[in-house]
């Protein structure tokens, strides 16, 4: 009797299991809603922000993302700072604090599995390993902001064309698809140096907003945007800007 019941339950589960494309659409919808609500809510008070993230983290992510658990699976040179374009890549104290809250809430859901988080043009992705790794939650994380700015030849002002905020674990190479529908590929590796700087290895293979294929290693200071790639295509010129900030220093940023 028990074996028959087990078979019936297994057959029912197989017939009603959600399809992969349905799970993927649901993950995109949840991610888009989290990002939309996040940027519509001003960060004014710690209590209000905490309630927002607790609600989003446990209601939306806790009920849906735990169901999905999709596996969204040298040499150094000083970085330059083009003055006019870097405005678009700067990180404010409020943005750093918001990114930190998001990552910490996701860590509560996936304490031994969370490798990276990426937000890009309204798309939210998570890197969650299938096998728990207790060392992950003890590994520091760094926020890396990447922005592509462009302008027509002869124009003076730059405009943002693409952006991504990626939170990665230090000393761990990650490969990310920040916009799955566009096919852009991004690889990052961050290594903290003894003088407080960060060595960052960045590999880009983009089709949108321009064909960009670049790999560069830079030594970066916290919160200082730097140009890591530049190109010209037709009447347009583009620059790729990068900013880094360790999440463990988020408290120092609020006091500084």
C-alpha atoms as a PDB file:
ATOM      1  CA  UNK A   1       0.000   0.000   0.000  1.00  0.00           C
ATOM      2  CA  UNK A   2       2.779   2.399   0.947  1.00  0.00           C
ATOM      3  CA  UNK A   3       4.674   1.729  -2.307  1.00  0.00           C
ATOM      4  CA  UNK A   4       1.531   2.295  -4.367  1.00  0.00           C
ATOM      5  CA  UNK A   5       0.881   5.594  -2.618  1.00  0.00           C
ATOM      6  CA  UNK A   6       4.494   6.656  -3.180  1.00  0.00           C
ATOM      7  CA  UNK A   7       4.182   5.920  -6.897  1.00  0.00           C
ATOM      8  CA  UNK A   8       0.929   7.848  -7.127  1.00  0.00           C
ATOM      9  CA  UNK A   9       2.480  10.861  -5.406  1.00  0.00           C
ATOM     10  CA  UNK A  10       5.568  10.721  -7.626  1.00  0.00           C
ATOM     11  CA  UNK A  11       3.408  10.509 -10.770  1.00  0.00           C
ATOM     12  CA  UNK A  12       1.301  13.446  -9.622  1.00  0.00           C
ATOM     13  CA  UNK A  13       4.426  15.511  -8.822  1.00  0.00           C
ATOM     14  CA  UNK A  14       5.941  14.784 -12.241  1.00  0.00           C
ATOM     15  CA  UNK A  15       2.741  15.818 -14.052  1.00  0.00           C
ATOM     16  CA  UNK A  16       2.416  19.078 -12.120  1.00  0.00           C
ATOM     17  CA  UNK A  17       6.071  20.128 -12.002  1.00  0.00           C
ATOM     18  CA  UNK A  18       6.552  23.666 -13.383  1.00  0.00           C
ATOM     19  CA  UNK A  19       8.294  23.945 -16.730  1.00  0.00           C
ATOM     20  CA  UNK A  20      11.761  25.527 -16.876  1.00  0.00           C
ATOM     21  CA  UNK A  21      10.596  28.446 -19.041  1.00  0.00           C
ATOM     22  CA  UNK A  22       7.768  29.157 -16.600  1.00  0.00           C
ATOM     23  CA  UNK A  23      10.217  29.244 -13.679  1.00  0.00           C
ATOM     24  CA  UNK A  24      12.509  31.552 -15.621  1.00  0.00           C
ATOM     25  CA  UNK A  25       9.661  33.979 -16.425  1.00  0.00           C
ATOM     26  CA  UNK A  26       8.578  33.943 -12.785  1.00  0.00           C
ATOM     27  CA  UNK A  27      12.141  34.668 -11.639  1.00  0.00           C
ATOM     28  CA  UNK A  28      12.360  37.630 -14.023  1.00  0.00           C
ATOM     29  CA  UNK A  29       9.005  38.988 -12.817  1.00  0.00           C
ATOM     30  CA  UNK A  30      10.035  38.735  -9.164  1.00  0.00           C
ATOM     31  CA  UNK A  31      13.409  40.332  -9.837  1.00  0.00           C
ATOM     32  CA  UNK A  32      11.897  43.205 -11.811  1.00  0.00           C
ATOM     33  CA  UNK A  33       9.328  43.889  -9.075  1.00  0.00           C
ATOM     34  CA  UNK A  34      11.992  43.890  -6.348  1.00  0.00           C
ATOM     35  CA  UNK A  35      14.128  46.373  -8.275  1.00  0.00           C
ATOM     36  CA  UNK A  36      11.114  48.557  -9.186  1.00  0.00           C
ATOM     37  CA  UNK A  37       9.858  48.816  -5.606  1.00  0.00           C
ATOM     38  CA  UNK A  38      13.368  49.360  -4.326  1.00  0.00           C
ATOM     39  CA  UNK A  39      14.062  52.426  -6.433  1.00  0.00           C
ATOM     40  CA  UNK A  40      10.587  53.887  -5.902  1.00  0.00           C
ATOM     41  CA  UNK A  41      11.077  53.931  -2.145  1.00  0.00           C
ATOM     42  CA  UNK A  42      13.271  56.809  -0.923  1.00  0.00           C
ATOM     43  CA  UNK A  43      15.872  55.811   1.637  1.00  0.00           C
ATOM     44  CA  UNK A  44      15.063  58.287   4.390  1.00  0.00           C
ATOM     45  CA  UNK A  45      15.007  56.415   7.685  1.00  0.00           C
ATOM     46  CA  UNK A  46      16.714  53.245   8.754  1.00  0.00           C
ATOM     47  CA  UNK A  47      13.523  51.864  10.281  1.00  0.00           C
ATOM     48  CA  UNK A  48      11.447  52.420   7.142  1.00  0.00           C
ATOM     49  CA  UNK A  49      14.151  50.963   4.925  1.00  0.00           C
ATOM     50  CA  UNK A  50      14.546  47.966   7.211  1.00  0.00           C
ATOM     51  CA  UNK A  51      10.810  47.238   7.061  1.00  0.00           C
ATOM     52  CA  UNK A  52      10.844  47.499   3.272  1.00  0.00           C
ATOM     53  CA  UNK A  53      13.738  45.072   2.881  1.00  0.00           C
ATOM     54  CA  UNK A  54      12.372  42.674   5.442  1.00  0.00           C
ATOM     55  CA  UNK A  55       9.060  42.629   3.599  1.00  0.00           C
ATOM     56  CA  UNK A  56      10.632  42.199   0.183  1.00  0.00           C
ATOM     57  CA  UNK A  57      13.256  39.745   1.390  1.00  0.00           C
ATOM     58  CA  UNK A  58      10.927  37.414   3.240  1.00  0.00           C
ATOM     59  CA  UNK A  59       7.665  37.770   1.347  1.00  0.00           C
ATOM     60  CA  UNK A  60       8.785  38.057  -2.268  1.00  0.00           C
ATOM     61  CA  UNK A  61      12.182  36.400  -2.256  1.00  0.00           C
ATOM     62  CA  UNK A  62      11.522  34.023   0.607  1.00  0.00           C
ATOM     63  CA  UNK A  63       8.330  32.601  -0.919  1.00  0.00           C
ATOM     64  CA  UNK A  64       9.370  32.542  -4.554  1.00  0.00           C
ATOM     65  CA  UNK A  65      13.123  32.482  -4.979  1.00  0.00           C
ATOM     66  CA  UNK A  66      13.543  29.620  -2.537  1.00  0.00           C
ATOM     67  CA  UNK A  67      11.037  27.730  -4.688  1.00  0.00           C
ATOM     68  CA  UNK A  68      12.977  28.461  -7.858  1.00  0.00           C
ATOM     69  CA  UNK A  69      16.609  28.131  -6.643  1.00  0.00           C
ATOM     70  CA  UNK A  70      17.721  28.652 -10.233  1.00  0.00           C
ATOM     71  CA  UNK A  71      21.485  28.394 -10.706  1.00  0.00           C
ATOM     72  CA  UNK A  72      22.101  31.483 -12.723  1.00  0.00           C
ATOM     73  CA  UNK A  73      25.270  29.844 -12.990  1.00  0.00           C
ATOM     74  CA  UNK A  74      48.353  39.369 -14.829  1.00  0.00           C
ATOM     75  CA  UNK A  75      49.266  42.273 -14.863  1.00  0.00           C
ATOM     76  CA  UNK A  76      48.044  45.444 -13.272  1.00  0.00           C
ATOM     77  CA  UNK A  77      47.962  49.017 -14.508  1.00  0.00           C
ATOM     78  CA  UNK A  78      46.843  52.181 -12.701  1.00  0.00           C
ATOM     79  CA  UNK A  79      43.301  53.200 -13.578  1.00  0.00           C
ATOM     80  CA  UNK A  80      42.623  56.555 -15.198  1.00  0.00           C
ATOM     81  CA  UNK A  81      39.772  58.911 -14.281  1.00  0.00           C
ATOM     82  CA  UNK A  82      38.109  60.856 -17.137  1.00  0.00           C
ATOM     83  CA  UNK A  83      36.519  63.756 -15.291  1.00  0.00           C
ATOM     84  CA  UNK A  84      33.332  64.391 -17.293  1.00  0.00           C
ATOM     85  CA  UNK A  85      32.056  60.829 -17.667  1.00  0.00           C
ATOM     86  CA  UNK A  86      32.648  59.464 -14.168  1.00  0.00           C
ATOM     87  CA  UNK A  87      29.614  61.197 -12.672  1.00  0.00           C
ATOM     88  CA  UNK A  88      27.447  58.370 -13.978  1.00  0.00           C
ATOM     89  CA  UNK A  89      29.490  55.701 -12.173  1.00  0.00           C
ATOM     90  CA  UNK A  90      29.736  57.287  -8.735  1.00  0.00           C
ATOM     91  CA  UNK A  91      28.221  55.531  -5.725  1.00  0.00           C
ATOM     92  CA  UNK A  92      26.291  57.515  -3.137  1.00  0.00           C
ATOM     93  CA  UNK A  93      26.148  56.564   0.537  1.00  0.00           C
ATOM     94  CA  UNK A  94      22.440  55.710   0.145  1.00  0.00           C
ATOM     95  CA  UNK A  95      23.144  53.415  -2.812  1.00  0.00           C
ATOM     96  CA  UNK A  96      25.908  51.582  -0.972  1.00  0.00           C
ATOM     97  CA  UNK A  97      23.682  51.093   2.072  1.00  0.00           C
ATOM     98  CA  UNK A  98      20.797  49.848  -0.096  1.00  0.00           C
ATOM     99  CA  UNK A  99      23.039  47.346  -1.880  1.00  0.00           C
ATOM    100  CA  UNK A 100      24.367  46.141   1.471  1.00  0.00           C
ATOM    101  CA  UNK A 101      20.862  45.603   2.848  1.00  0.00           C
ATOM    102  CA  UNK A 102      19.854  43.656  -0.256  1.00  0.00           C
ATOM    103  CA  UNK A 103      22.879  41.379  -0.030  1.00  0.00           C
ATOM    104  CA  UNK A 104      22.485  40.753   3.707  1.00  0.00           C
ATOM    105  CA  UNK A 105      18.803  39.848   3.296  1.00  0.00           C
ATOM    106  CA  UNK A 106      19.666  37.412   0.510  1.00  0.00           C
ATOM    107  CA  UNK A 107      22.403  35.937   2.710  1.00  0.00           C
ATOM    108  CA  UNK A 108      19.735  35.147   5.291  1.00  0.00           C
ATOM    109  CA  UNK A 109      17.830  33.166   2.687  1.00  0.00           C
ATOM    110  CA  UNK A 110      20.909  31.432   1.262  1.00  0.00           C
ATOM    111  CA  UNK A 111      23.473  31.576   4.115  1.00  0.00           C
ATOM    112  CA  UNK A 112      25.843  28.974   2.651  1.00  0.00           C
ATOM    113  CA  UNK A 113      24.962  29.197  -1.048  1.00  0.00           C
ATOM    114  CA  UNK A 114      24.998  32.833  -2.216  1.00  0.00           C
ATOM    115  CA  UNK A 115      27.952  33.660  -4.510  1.00  0.00           C
ATOM    116  CA  UNK A 116      26.898  36.823  -6.296  1.00  0.00           C
ATOM    117  CA  UNK A 117      24.054  39.250  -6.987  1.00  0.00           C
ATOM    118  CA  UNK A 118      23.661  41.360 -10.121  1.00  0.00           C
ATOM    119  CA  UNK A 119      21.199  44.136 -10.958  1.00  0.00           C
ATOM    120  CA  UNK A 120      21.295  45.483 -14.504  1.00  0.00           C
ATOM    121  CA  UNK A 121      18.758  47.699 -16.253  1.00  0.00           C
ATOM    122  CA  UNK A 122      15.896  46.313 -14.157  1.00  0.00           C
ATOM    123  CA  UNK A 123      17.011  42.668 -14.279  1.00  0.00           C
ATOM    124  CA  UNK A 124      17.933  40.896 -11.038  1.00  0.00           C
ATOM    125  CA  UNK A 125      20.041  37.715 -10.987  1.00  0.00           C
ATOM    126  CA  UNK A 126      21.474  35.532  -8.238  1.00  0.00           C
ATOM    127  CA  UNK A 127      24.389  33.121  -8.200  1.00  0.00           C
ATOM    128  CA  UNK A 128      23.342  30.313  -5.852  1.00  0.00           C
ATOM    129  CA  UNK A 129      25.463  27.169  -5.602  1.00  0.00           C
ATOM    130  CA  UNK A 130      23.678  23.828  -5.302  1.00  0.00           C
ATOM    131  CA  UNK A 131      25.979  22.502  -2.576  1.00  0.00           C
ATOM    132  CA  UNK A 132      26.238  24.459   0.658  1.00  0.00           C
ATOM    133  CA  UNK A 133      29.623  26.027   1.385  1.00  0.00           C
ATOM    134  CA  UNK A 134      29.935  27.301   4.945  1.00  0.00           C
ATOM    135  CA  UNK A 135      32.964  29.390   3.982  1.00  0.00           C
ATOM    136  CA  UNK A 136      30.897  31.639   1.694  1.00  0.00           C
ATOM    137  CA  UNK A 137      29.189  33.603   4.476  1.00  0.00           C
ATOM    138  CA  UNK A 138      32.606  34.350   6.006  1.00  0.00           C
ATOM    139  CA  UNK A 139      34.054  35.637   2.716  1.00  0.00           C
ATOM    140  CA  UNK A 140      33.931  39.449   2.330  1.00  0.00           C
ATOM    141  CA  UNK A 141      31.942  40.858  -0.574  1.00  0.00           C
ATOM    142  CA  UNK A 142      32.577  43.836  -2.837  1.00  0.00           C
ATOM    143  CA  UNK A 143      30.147  45.962  -4.822  1.00  0.00           C
ATOM    144  CA  UNK A 144      31.305  46.585  -8.400  1.00  0.00           C
ATOM    145  CA  UNK A 145      29.434  49.174 -10.459  1.00  0.00           C
ATOM    146  CA  UNK A 146      29.893  49.072 -14.232  1.00  0.00           C
ATOM    147  CA  UNK A 147      28.481  51.784 -16.504  1.00  0.00           C
ATOM    148  CA  UNK A 148      28.714  52.220 -20.266  1.00  0.00           C
ATOM    149  CA  UNK A 149      28.403  55.871 -21.288  1.00  0.00           C
ATOM    150  CA  UNK A 150      28.338  57.177 -24.853  1.00  0.00           C
ATOM    151  CA  UNK A 151      28.062  60.358 -26.897  1.00  0.00           C
ATOM    152  CA  UNK A 152      28.034  61.365 -30.522  1.00  0.00           C
ATOM    153  CA  UNK A 153      31.305  62.507 -31.958  1.00  0.00           C
ATOM    154  CA  UNK A 154      31.676  66.218 -31.232  1.00  0.00           C
ATOM    155  CA  UNK A 155      29.223  66.290 -28.323  1.00  0.00           C
ATOM    156  CA  UNK A 156      30.506  67.353 -24.911  1.00  0.00           C
ATOM    157  CA  UNK A 157      28.154  65.525 -22.555  1.00  0.00           C
ATOM    158  CA  UNK A 158      28.058  61.789 -21.888  1.00  0.00           C
ATOM    159  CA  UNK A 159      24.852  59.783 -21.385  1.00  0.00           C
ATOM    160  CA  UNK A 160      24.462  56.362 -19.721  1.00  0.00           C
ATOM    161  CA  UNK A 161      23.620  53.525 -22.112  1.00  0.00           C
ATOM    162  CA  UNK A 162      23.957  50.484 -19.819  1.00  0.00           C
ATOM    163  CA  UNK A 163      24.684  49.793 -16.155  1.00  0.00           C
ATOM    164  CA  UNK A 164      25.121  46.942 -13.717  1.00  0.00           C
ATOM    165  CA  UNK A 165      25.724  46.651  -9.983  1.00  0.00           C
ATOM    166  CA  UNK A 166      27.414  43.345  -9.165  1.00  0.00           C
ATOM    167  CA  UNK A 167      28.168  42.080  -5.649  1.00  0.00           C
ATOM    168  CA  UNK A 168      30.875  39.409  -5.675  1.00  0.00           C
ATOM    169  CA  UNK A 169      32.829  37.480  -3.062  1.00  0.00           C
ATOM    170  CA  UNK A 170      36.480  38.473  -2.765  1.00  0.00           C
ATOM    171  CA  UNK A 171      39.049  36.174  -4.372  1.00  0.00           C
ATOM    172  CA  UNK A 172      36.402  34.222  -6.288  1.00  0.00           C
ATOM    173  CA  UNK A 173      36.077  34.331 -10.068  1.00  0.00           C
ATOM    174  CA  UNK A 174      32.452  34.711 -11.142  1.00  0.00           C
ATOM    175  CA  UNK A 175      30.881  34.680 -14.589  1.00  0.00           C
ATOM    176  CA  UNK A 176      27.629  36.604 -14.889  1.00  0.00           C
ATOM    177  CA  UNK A 177      25.029  37.143 -17.594  1.00  0.00           C
ATOM    178  CA  UNK A 178      23.701  40.543 -16.443  1.00  0.00           C
ATOM    179  CA  UNK A 179      20.988  40.844 -19.114  1.00  0.00           C
ATOM    180  CA  UNK A 180      19.907  37.371 -20.135  1.00  0.00           C
ATOM    181  CA  UNK A 181      17.791  38.535 -23.058  1.00  0.00           C
ATOM    182  CA  UNK A 182      20.731  40.491 -24.534  1.00  0.00           C
ATOM    183  CA  UNK A 183      23.433  37.857 -24.227  1.00  0.00           C
ATOM    184  CA  UNK A 184      25.987  40.121 -22.545  1.00  0.00           C
ATOM    185  CA  UNK A 185      28.699  38.246 -20.647  1.00  0.00           C
ATOM    186  CA  UNK A 186      30.732  39.542 -17.718  1.00  0.00           C
ATOM    187  CA  UNK A 187      33.461  37.973 -15.577  1.00  0.00           C
ATOM    188  CA  UNK A 188      34.872  39.534 -12.395  1.00  0.00           C
ATOM    189  CA  UNK A 189      37.593  38.713  -9.890  1.00  0.00           C
ATOM    190  CA  UNK A 190      38.364  40.954  -6.903  1.00  0.00           C
ATOM    191  CA  UNK A 191      41.429  40.686  -4.695  1.00  0.00           C
ATOM    192  CA  UNK A 192      42.035  42.987  -1.687  1.00  0.00           C
ATOM    193  CA  UNK A 193      45.581  44.365  -1.453  1.00  0.00           C
ATOM    194  CA  UNK A 194      47.539  45.099   1.710  1.00  0.00           C
ATOM    195  CA  UNK A 195      47.452  48.878   1.156  1.00  0.00           C
ATOM    196  CA  UNK A 196      43.653  48.949   1.081  1.00  0.00           C
ATOM    197  CA  UNK A 197      43.292  49.029  -2.703  1.00  0.00           C
ATOM    198  CA  UNK A 198      41.504  46.348  -4.693  1.00  0.00           C
ATOM    199  CA  UNK A 199      42.873  44.445  -7.674  1.00  0.00           C
ATOM    200  CA  UNK A 200      39.993  43.902 -10.081  1.00  0.00           C
ATOM    201  CA  UNK A 201      40.085  41.689 -13.155  1.00  0.00           C
ATOM    202  CA  UNK A 202      37.198  42.526 -15.509  1.00  0.00           C
ATOM    203  CA  UNK A 203      36.298  40.670 -18.699  1.00  0.00           C
ATOM    204  CA  UNK A 204      33.519  42.003 -20.952  1.00  0.00           C
ATOM    205  CA  UNK A 205      31.832  40.399 -23.954  1.00  0.00           C
ATOM    206  CA  UNK A 206      28.910  42.682 -24.828  1.00  0.00           C
ATOM    207  CA  UNK A 207      26.590  43.026 -27.786  1.00  0.00           C
ATOM    208  CA  UNK A 208      24.444  45.752 -26.182  1.00  0.00           C
ATOM    209  CA  UNK A 209      24.718  48.754 -26.141  1.00  0.00           C
ATOM    210  CA  UNK A 210      27.793  48.188 -28.341  1.00  0.00           C
ATOM    211  CA  UNK A 211      30.100  45.369 -29.347  1.00  0.00           C
ATOM    212  CA  UNK A 212      32.618  45.462 -26.513  1.00  0.00           C
ATOM    213  CA  UNK A 213      35.223  42.754 -25.965  1.00  0.00           C
ATOM    214  CA  UNK A 214      37.762  43.675 -23.336  1.00  0.00           C
ATOM    215  CA  UNK A 215      39.767  42.231 -20.481  1.00  0.00           C
ATOM    216  CA  UNK A 216      41.601  44.516 -18.114  1.00  0.00           C
ATOM    217  CA  UNK A 217      43.187  44.346 -14.657  1.00  0.00           C
ATOM    218  CA  UNK A 218      43.225  47.496 -12.548  1.00  0.00           C
ATOM    219  CA  UNK A 219      44.184  48.609  -9.054  1.00  0.00           C
ATOM    220  CA  UNK A 220      41.287  50.618  -7.685  1.00  0.00           C
ATOM    221  CA  UNK A 221      40.540  52.749  -4.637  1.00  0.00           C
ATOM    222  CA  UNK A 222      37.208  52.509  -2.867  1.00  0.00           C
ATOM    223  CA  UNK A 223      34.531  54.711  -4.429  1.00  0.00           C
ATOM    224  CA  UNK A 224      36.721  56.210  -7.176  1.00  0.00           C
ATOM    225  CA  UNK A 225      35.310  55.630 -10.695  1.00  0.00           C
ATOM    226  CA  UNK A 226      37.819  54.664 -13.367  1.00  0.00           C
ATOM    227  CA  UNK A 227      37.725  54.148 -17.116  1.00  0.00           C
ATOM    228  CA  UNK A 228      38.532  50.543 -18.053  1.00  0.00           C
ATOM    229  CA  UNK A 229      37.683  50.513 -21.770  1.00  0.00           C
ATOM    230  CA  UNK A 230      36.971  52.921 -24.637  1.00  0.00           C
ATOM    231  CA  UNK A 231      35.900  52.472 -28.242  1.00  0.00           C
ATOM    232  CA  UNK A 232      34.480  54.255 -31.276  1.00  0.00           C
ATOM    233  CA  UNK A 233      31.741  52.897 -33.504  1.00  0.00           C
ATOM    234  CA  UNK A 234      30.451  54.978 -36.379  1.00  0.00           C
ATOM    235  CA  UNK A 235      29.341  58.358 -35.049  1.00  0.00           C
ATOM    236  CA  UNK A 236      29.483  57.197 -31.440  1.00  0.00           C
ATOM    237  CA  UNK A 237      32.204  56.910 -28.860  1.00  0.00           C
ATOM    238  CA  UNK A 238      31.758  54.786 -25.721  1.00  0.00           C
ATOM    239  CA  UNK A 239      33.533  54.417 -22.423  1.00  0.00           C
ATOM    240  CA  UNK A 240      33.204  51.712 -19.798  1.00  0.00           C
ATOM    241  CA  UNK A 241      33.485  52.978 -16.220  1.00  0.00           C
ATOM    242  CA  UNK A 242      33.978  50.953 -13.067  1.00  0.00           C
ATOM    243  CA  UNK A 243      33.635  51.725  -9.349  1.00  0.00           C
ATOM    244  CA  UNK A 244      34.227  49.392  -6.401  1.00  0.00           C
ATOM    245  CA  UNK A 245      33.298  49.492  -2.739  1.00  0.00           C
ATOM    246  CA  UNK A 246      33.697  46.730  -0.093  1.00  0.00           C
ATOM    247  CA  UNK A 247      30.395  46.039   1.631  1.00  0.00           C
ATOM    248  CA  UNK A 248      32.166  45.698   4.975  1.00  0.00           C
ATOM    249  CA  UNK A 249      33.033  49.402   4.657  1.00  0.00           C
ATOM    250  CA  UNK A 250      29.400  50.487   4.178  1.00  0.00           C
ATOM    251  CA  UNK A 251      29.224  51.673   7.796  1.00  0.00           C
ATOM    252  CA  UNK A 252      32.352  53.757   7.317  1.00  0.00           C
ATOM    253  CA  UNK A 253      30.775  55.369   4.239  1.00  0.00           C
ATOM    254  CA  UNK A 254      27.749  56.471   6.259  1.00  0.00           C
ATOM    255  CA  UNK A 255      30.011  58.050   8.870  1.00  0.00           C
ATOM    256  CA  UNK A 256      32.340  59.602   6.287  1.00  0.00           C
END
